[in-house]
């Protein structure tokens, strides 16, 4: 269902949310920075799940191979 990349992004998001809640108990405003970072990671995860899949990125540095694949 989820690729390994998605699982790692979800784990990172859960970790950042945990840190944001933990820092909210302190008298500083560090929770705002952690929450902002968690929101950025969340939207990155949404973008990753919506617009990419395992076969969407193909690394091929040879331009001739790329031309053969795209010109039909």
PDB file of N, CA and C in Angstrom:
ATOM      1  N   UNK A   1       0.825  -1.193   0.000  1.00  0.00           N
ATOM      2  CA  UNK A   1       0.000   0.000   0.000  1.00  0.00           C
ATOM      3  C   UNK A   1       0.867   1.254   0.000  1.00  0.00           C
ATOM      4  N   UNK A   2       1.740   1.383   0.982  1.00  0.00           N
ATOM      5  CA  UNK A   2       2.650   2.523   1.029  1.00  0.00           C
ATOM      6  C   UNK A   2       4.049   2.064   0.666  1.00  0.00           C
ATOM      7  N   UNK A   3       4.758   2.897  -0.034  1.00  0.00           N
ATOM      8  CA  UNK A   3       6.153   2.615  -0.313  1.00  0.00           C
ATOM      9  C   UNK A   3       6.980   2.899   0.940  1.00  0.00           C
ATOM     10  N   UNK A   4       8.199   2.410   0.944  1.00  0.00           N
ATOM     11  CA  UNK A   4       9.079   2.637   2.092  1.00  0.00           C
ATOM     12  C   UNK A   4       9.287   4.130   2.323  1.00  0.00           C
ATOM     13  N   UNK A   5       9.371   4.882   1.237  1.00  0.00           N
ATOM     14  CA  UNK A   5       9.546   6.333   1.329  1.00  0.00           C
ATOM     15  C   UNK A   5       8.380   6.985   2.070  1.00  0.00           C
ATOM     16  N   UNK A   6       7.161   6.539   1.773  1.00  0.00           N
ATOM     17  CA  UNK A   6       5.984   7.090   2.443  1.00  0.00           C
ATOM     18  C   UNK A   6       5.978   6.737   3.922  1.00  0.00           C
ATOM     19  N   UNK A   7       6.374   5.520   4.237  1.00  0.00           N
ATOM     20  CA  UNK A   7       6.427   5.109   5.640  1.00  0.00           C
ATOM     21  C   UNK A   7       7.437   5.941   6.421  1.00  0.00           C
ATOM     22  N   UNK A   8       8.566   6.250   5.799  1.00  0.00           N
ATOM     23  CA  UNK A   8       9.574   7.072   6.472  1.00  0.00           C
ATOM     24  C   UNK A   8       9.070   8.506   6.654  1.00  0.00           C
ATOM     25  N   UNK A   9       8.371   9.040   5.674  1.00  0.00           N
ATOM     26  CA  UNK A   9       7.814  10.389   5.802  1.00  0.00           C
ATOM     27  C   UNK A   9       6.748  10.445   6.895  1.00  0.00           C
ATOM     28  N   UNK A  10       5.934   9.405   6.990  1.00  0.00           N
ATOM     29  CA  UNK A  10       4.918   9.359   8.047  1.00  0.00           C
ATOM     30  C   UNK A  10       5.580   9.253   9.414  1.00  0.00           C
ATOM     31  N   UNK A  11       6.643   8.444   9.517  1.00  0.00           N
ATOM     32  CA  UNK A  11       7.367   8.324  10.789  1.00  0.00           C
ATOM     33  C   UNK A  11       7.988   9.665  11.181  1.00  0.00           C
ATOM     34  N   UNK A  12       8.564  10.375  10.205  1.00  0.00           N
ATOM     35  CA  UNK A  12       9.135  11.694  10.476  1.00  0.00           C
ATOM     36  C   UNK A  12       8.051  12.668  10.920  1.00  0.00           C
ATOM     37  N   UNK A  13       6.896  12.612  10.279  1.00  0.00           N
ATOM     38  CA  UNK A  13       5.784  13.489  10.642  1.00  0.00           C
ATOM     39  C   UNK A  13       5.299  13.210  12.067  1.00  0.00           C
ATOM     40  N   UNK A  14       5.169  11.955  12.420  1.00  0.00           N
ATOM     41  CA  UNK A  14       4.749  11.602  13.783  1.00  0.00           C
ATOM     42  C   UNK A  14       5.777  12.077  14.794  1.00  0.00           C
ATOM     43  N   UNK A  15       7.056  11.915  14.477  1.00  0.00           N
ATOM     44  CA  UNK A  15       8.118  12.381  15.366  1.00  0.00           C
ATOM     45  C   UNK A  15       8.050  13.897  15.552  1.00  0.00           C
ATOM     46  N   UNK A  16       7.862  14.632  14.467  1.00  0.00           N
ATOM     47  CA  UNK A  16       7.794  16.090  14.560  1.00  0.00           C
ATOM     48  C   UNK A  16       6.565  16.555  15.333  1.00  0.00           C
ATOM     49  N   UNK A  17       5.454  15.868  15.152  1.00  0.00           N
ATOM     50  CA  UNK A  17       4.255  16.216  15.923  1.00  0.00           C
ATOM     51  C   UNK A  17       4.491  15.957  17.405  1.00  0.00           C
ATOM     52  N   UNK A  18       5.143  14.853  17.728  1.00  0.00           N
ATOM     53  CA  UNK A  18       5.468  14.552  19.123  1.00  0.00           C
ATOM     54  C   UNK A  18       6.370  15.633  19.717  1.00  0.00           C
ATOM     55  N   UNK A  19       7.384  16.055  18.976  1.00  0.00           N
ATOM     56  CA  UNK A  19       8.290  17.109  19.449  1.00  0.00           C
ATOM     57  C   UNK A  19       7.528  18.424  19.619  1.00  0.00           C
ATOM     58  N   UNK A  20       6.618  18.732  18.702  1.00  0.00           N
ATOM     59  CA  UNK A  20       5.839  19.973  18.800  1.00  0.00           C
ATOM     60  C   UNK A  20       4.970  19.975  20.050  1.00  0.00           C
ATOM     61  N   UNK A  21       4.315  18.858  20.336  1.00  0.00           N
ATOM     62  CA  UNK A  21       3.503  18.783  21.554  1.00  0.00           C
ATOM     63  C   UNK A  21       4.371  18.832  22.804  1.00  0.00           C
ATOM     64  N   UNK A  22       5.535  18.192  22.753  1.00  0.00           N
ATOM     65  CA  UNK A  22       6.423  18.194  23.917  1.00  0.00           C
ATOM     66  C   UNK A  22       6.977  19.591  24.180  1.00  0.00           C
ATOM     67  N   UNK A  23       7.261  20.342  23.134  1.00  0.00           N
ATOM     68  CA  UNK A  23       7.812  21.683  23.329  1.00  0.00           C
ATOM     69  C   UNK A  23       6.730  22.699  23.685  1.00  0.00           C
ATOM     70  N   UNK A  24       5.468  22.351  23.507  1.00  0.00           N
ATOM     71  CA  UNK A  24       4.387  23.271  23.877  1.00  0.00           C
ATOM     72  C   UNK A  24       4.283  23.427  25.386  1.00  0.00           C
ATOM     73  N   UNK A  25       4.799  22.462  26.131  1.00  0.00           N
ATOM     74  CA  UNK A  25       4.752  22.534  27.593  1.00  0.00           C
ATOM     75  C   UNK A  25       5.807  23.484  28.153  1.00  0.00           C
ATOM     76  N   UNK A  26       6.794  23.825  27.337  1.00  0.00           N
ATOM     77  CA  UNK A  26       7.838  24.739  27.813  1.00  0.00           C
ATOM     78  C   UNK A  26       7.356  26.185  27.698  1.00  0.00           C
ATOM     79  N   UNK A  27       7.958  27.097  28.464  1.00  0.00           N
ATOM     80  CA  UNK A  27       7.503  28.498  28.419  1.00  0.00           C
ATOM     81  C   UNK A  27       7.930  29.253  27.153  1.00  0.00           C
ATOM     82  N   UNK A  28       8.756  28.648  26.315  1.00  0.00           N
ATOM     83  CA  UNK A  28       9.194  29.321  25.088  1.00  0.00           C
ATOM     84  C   UNK A  28       8.177  29.101  23.972  1.00  0.00           C
ATOM     85  N   UNK A  29       8.426  29.721  22.852  1.00  0.00           N
ATOM     86  CA  UNK A  29       7.532  29.562  21.700  1.00  0.00           C
ATOM     87  C   UNK A  29       8.147  28.645  20.639  1.00  0.00           C
ATOM     88  N   UNK A  30       8.961  27.700  21.053  1.00  0.00           N
ATOM     89  CA  UNK A  30       9.579  26.776  20.098  1.00  0.00           C
ATOM     90  C   UNK A  30       8.553  25.858  19.435  1.00  0.00           C
ATOM     91  N   UNK A  31       7.394  25.712  20.059  1.00  0.00           N
ATOM     92  CA  UNK A  31       6.384  24.837  19.470  1.00  0.00           C
ATOM     93  C   UNK A  31       5.920  25.359  18.114  1.00  0.00           C
ATOM     94  N   UNK A  32       6.009  26.671  17.917  1.00  0.00           N
ATOM     95  CA  UNK A  32       5.589  27.250  16.636  1.00  0.00           C
ATOM     96  C   UNK A  32       6.523  26.781  15.520  1.00  0.00           C
ATOM     97  N   UNK A  33       7.817  26.775  15.774  1.00  0.00           N
ATOM     98  CA  UNK A  33       8.780  26.328  14.769  1.00  0.00           C
ATOM     99  C   UNK A  33       8.603  24.839  14.462  1.00  0.00           C
ATOM    100  N   UNK A  34       8.420  24.019  15.499  1.00  0.00           N
ATOM    101  CA  UNK A  34       8.240  22.582  15.281  1.00  0.00           C
ATOM    102  C   UNK A  34       6.935  22.296  14.549  1.00  0.00           C
ATOM    103  N   UNK A  35       5.891  23.047  14.866  1.00  0.00           N
ATOM    104  CA  UNK A  35       4.611  22.856  14.185  1.00  0.00           C
ATOM    105  C   UNK A  35       4.711  23.276  12.723  1.00  0.00           C
ATOM    106  N   UNK A  36       5.417  24.362  12.453  1.00  0.00           N
ATOM    107  CA  UNK A  36       5.620  24.801  11.073  1.00  0.00           C
ATOM    108  C   UNK A  36       6.369  23.741  10.274  1.00  0.00           C
ATOM    109  N   UNK A  37       7.398  23.170  10.871  1.00  0.00           N
ATOM    110  CA  UNK A  37       8.150  22.112  10.197  1.00  0.00           C
ATOM    111  C   UNK A  37       7.271  20.883   9.959  1.00  0.00           C
ATOM    112  N   UNK A  38       6.430  20.540  10.923  1.00  0.00           N
ATOM    113  CA  UNK A  38       5.516  19.402  10.757  1.00  0.00           C
ATOM    114  C   UNK A  38       4.509  19.669   9.637  1.00  0.00           C
ATOM    115  N   UNK A  39       4.037  20.896   9.522  1.00  0.00           N
ATOM    116  CA  UNK A  39       3.086  21.245   8.452  1.00  0.00           C
ATOM    117  C   UNK A  39       3.761  21.143   7.087  1.00  0.00           C
ATOM    118  N   UNK A  40       5.000  21.603   6.987  1.00  0.00           N
ATOM    119  CA  UNK A  40       5.735  21.511   5.722  1.00  0.00           C
ATOM    120  C   UNK A  40       5.932  20.047   5.330  1.00  0.00           C
ATOM    121  N   UNK A  41       6.319  19.210   6.289  1.00  0.00           N
ATOM    122  CA  UNK A  41       6.497  17.784   6.010  1.00  0.00           C
ATOM    123  C   UNK A  41       5.158  17.147   5.625  1.00  0.00           C
ATOM    124  N   UNK A  42       4.078  17.554   6.275  1.00  0.00           N
ATOM    125  CA  UNK A  42       2.751  17.018   5.953  1.00  0.00           C
ATOM    126  C   UNK A  42       2.372  17.330   4.508  1.00  0.00           C
ATOM    127  N   UNK A  43       2.553  18.575   4.079  1.00  0.00           N
ATOM    128  CA  UNK A  43       2.203  18.915   2.704  1.00  0.00           C
ATOM    129  C   UNK A  43       3.158  18.269   1.707  1.00  0.00           C
ATOM    130  N   UNK A  44       4.414  18.065   2.098  1.00  0.00           N
ATOM    131  CA  UNK A  44       5.327  17.301   1.249  1.00  0.00           C
ATOM    132  C   UNK A  44       4.866  15.868   1.083  1.00  0.00           C
ATOM    133  N   UNK A  45       4.362  15.275   2.163  1.00  0.00           N
ATOM    134  CA  UNK A  45       3.831  13.911   2.094  1.00  0.00           C
ATOM    135  C   UNK A  45       2.592  13.854   1.203  1.00  0.00           C
ATOM    136  N   UNK A  46       1.701  14.820   1.341  1.00  0.00           N
ATOM    137  CA  UNK A  46       0.502  14.860   0.493  1.00  0.00           C
ATOM    138  C   UNK A  46       0.895  14.986  -0.979  1.00  0.00           C
ATOM    139  N   UNK A  47       1.837  15.876  -1.280  1.00  0.00           N
ATOM    140  CA  UNK A  47       2.302  16.037  -2.657  1.00  0.00           C
ATOM    141  C   UNK A  47       2.938  14.748  -3.165  1.00  0.00           C
ATOM    142  N   UNK A  48       3.756  14.122  -2.324  1.00  0.00           N
ATOM    143  CA  UNK A  48       4.439  12.895  -2.715  1.00  0.00           C
ATOM    144  C   UNK A  48       3.443  11.781  -3.005  1.00  0.00           C
ATOM    145  N   UNK A  49       2.430  11.647  -2.177  1.00  0.00           N
ATOM    146  CA  UNK A  49       1.452  10.580  -2.377  1.00  0.00           C
ATOM    147  C   UNK A  49       0.518  10.868  -3.557  1.00  0.00           C
ATOM    148  N   UNK A  50       0.265  12.125  -3.839  1.00  0.00           N
ATOM    149  CA  UNK A  50      -0.670  12.467  -4.909  1.00  0.00           C
ATOM    150  C   UNK A  50      -0.033  12.453  -6.296  1.00  0.00           C
ATOM    151  N   UNK A  51       1.205  12.903  -6.403  1.00  0.00           N
ATOM    152  CA  UNK A  51       1.779  13.134  -7.726  1.00  0.00           C
ATOM    153  C   UNK A  51       2.957  12.250  -8.092  1.00  0.00           C
ATOM    154  N   UNK A  52       3.407  11.399  -7.195  1.00  0.00           N
ATOM    155  CA  UNK A  52       4.525  10.524  -7.547  1.00  0.00           C
ATOM    156  C   UNK A  52       4.190   9.092  -7.191  1.00  0.00           C
ATOM    157  N   UNK A  53       4.833   8.182  -7.905  1.00  0.00           N
ATOM    158  CA  UNK A  53       4.746   6.772  -7.564  1.00  0.00           C
ATOM    159  C   UNK A  53       6.136   6.164  -7.724  1.00  0.00           C
ATOM    160  N   UNK A  54       6.241   4.864  -7.547  1.00  0.00           N
ATOM    161  CA  UNK A  54       7.558   4.231  -7.568  1.00  0.00           C
ATOM    162  C   UNK A  54       8.215   4.279  -8.942  1.00  0.00           C
ATOM    163  N   UNK A  55       7.437   4.353  -9.997  1.00  0.00           N
ATOM    164  CA  UNK A  55       8.007   4.322 -11.340  1.00  0.00           C
ATOM    165  C   UNK A  55       8.098   5.701 -11.986  1.00  0.00           C
ATOM    166  N   UNK A  56       7.821   6.765 -11.271  1.00  0.00           N
ATOM    167  CA  UNK A  56       7.803   8.084 -11.899  1.00  0.00           C
ATOM    168  C   UNK A  56       9.193   8.689 -12.063  1.00  0.00           C
ATOM    169  N   UNK A  57      10.164   8.242 -11.282  1.00  0.00           N
ATOM    170  CA  UNK A  57      11.509   8.799 -11.394  1.00  0.00           C
ATOM    171  C   UNK A  57      12.429   7.739 -11.969  1.00  0.00           C
ATOM    172  N   UNK A  58      12.980   8.017 -13.125  1.00  0.00           N
ATOM    173  CA  UNK A  58      13.925   7.105 -13.754  1.00  0.00           C
ATOM    174  C   UNK A  58      15.206   7.882 -13.989  1.00  0.00           C
ATOM    175  N   UNK A  59      16.287   7.452 -13.327  1.00  0.00           N
ATOM    176  CA  UNK A  59      17.566   8.129 -13.494  1.00  0.00           C
ATOM    177  C   UNK A  59      18.287   7.503 -14.668  1.00  0.00           C
ATOM    178  N   UNK A  60      18.455   8.261 -15.720  1.00  0.00           N
ATOM    179  CA  UNK A  60      19.188   7.804 -16.887  1.00  0.00           C
ATOM    180  C   UNK A  60      19.971   8.990 -17.429  1.00  0.00           C
ATOM    181  N   UNK A  61      21.270   9.064 -17.127  1.00  0.00           N
ATOM    182  CA  UNK A  61      22.045  10.239 -17.528  1.00  0.00           C
ATOM    183  C   UNK A  61      22.358  10.303 -19.023  1.00  0.00           C
ATOM    184  N   UNK A  62      22.124   9.228 -19.757  1.00  0.00           N
ATOM    185  CA  UNK A  62      22.431   9.218 -21.180  1.00  0.00           C
ATOM    186  C   UNK A  62      21.262   9.827 -21.959  1.00  0.00           C
ATOM    187  N   UNK A  63      21.517  10.908 -22.649  1.00  0.00           N
ATOM    188  CA  UNK A  63      20.456  11.613 -23.377  1.00  0.00           C
ATOM    189  C   UNK A  63      19.916  10.790 -24.542  1.00  0.00           C
ATOM    190  N   UNK A  64      20.748   9.950 -25.150  1.00  0.00           N
ATOM    191  CA  UNK A  64      20.271   9.138 -26.273  1.00  0.00           C
ATOM    192  C   UNK A  64      19.216   8.130 -25.828  1.00  0.00           C
ATOM    193  N   UNK A  65      19.401   7.538 -24.660  1.00  0.00           N
ATOM    194  CA  UNK A  65      18.382   6.617 -24.140  1.00  0.00           C
ATOM    195  C   UNK A  65      17.075   7.353 -23.877  1.00  0.00           C
ATOM    196  N   UNK A  66      17.183   8.552 -23.354  1.00  0.00           N
ATOM    197  CA  UNK A  66      15.983   9.346 -23.073  1.00  0.00           C
ATOM    198  C   UNK A  66      15.237   9.675 -24.367  1.00  0.00           C
ATOM    199  N   UNK A  67      15.988  10.037 -25.419  1.00  0.00           N
ATOM    200  CA  UNK A  67      15.360  10.351 -26.705  1.00  0.00           C
ATOM    201  C   UNK A  67      14.650   9.129 -27.291  1.00  0.00           C
ATOM    202  N   UNK A  68      15.283   7.951 -27.174  1.00  0.00           N
ATOM    203  CA  UNK A  68      14.654   6.730 -27.700  1.00  0.00           C
ATOM    204  C   UNK A  68      13.359   6.406 -26.960  1.00  0.00           C
ATOM    205  N   UNK A  69      13.316   6.693 -25.658  1.00  0.00           N
ATOM    206  CA  UNK A  69      12.115   6.390 -24.871  1.00  0.00           C
ATOM    207  C   UNK A  69      10.975   7.361 -25.169  1.00  0.00           C
ATOM    208  N   UNK A  70      11.306   8.614 -25.481  1.00  0.00           N
ATOM    209  CA  UNK A  70      10.259   9.626 -25.643  1.00  0.00           C
ATOM    210  C   UNK A  70       9.829   9.850 -27.082  1.00  0.00           C
ATOM    211  N   UNK A  71      10.660   9.549 -28.051  1.00  0.00           N
ATOM    212  CA  UNK A  71      10.312   9.773 -29.456  1.00  0.00           C
ATOM    213  C   UNK A  71       9.720   8.501 -30.034  1.00  0.00           C
ATOM    214  N   UNK A  72       8.445   8.535 -30.302  1.00  0.00           N
ATOM    215  CA  UNK A  72       7.786   7.373 -30.927  1.00  0.00           C
ATOM    216  C   UNK A  72       6.859   7.826 -31.994  1.00  0.00           C
TER     217      UNK A  72
END
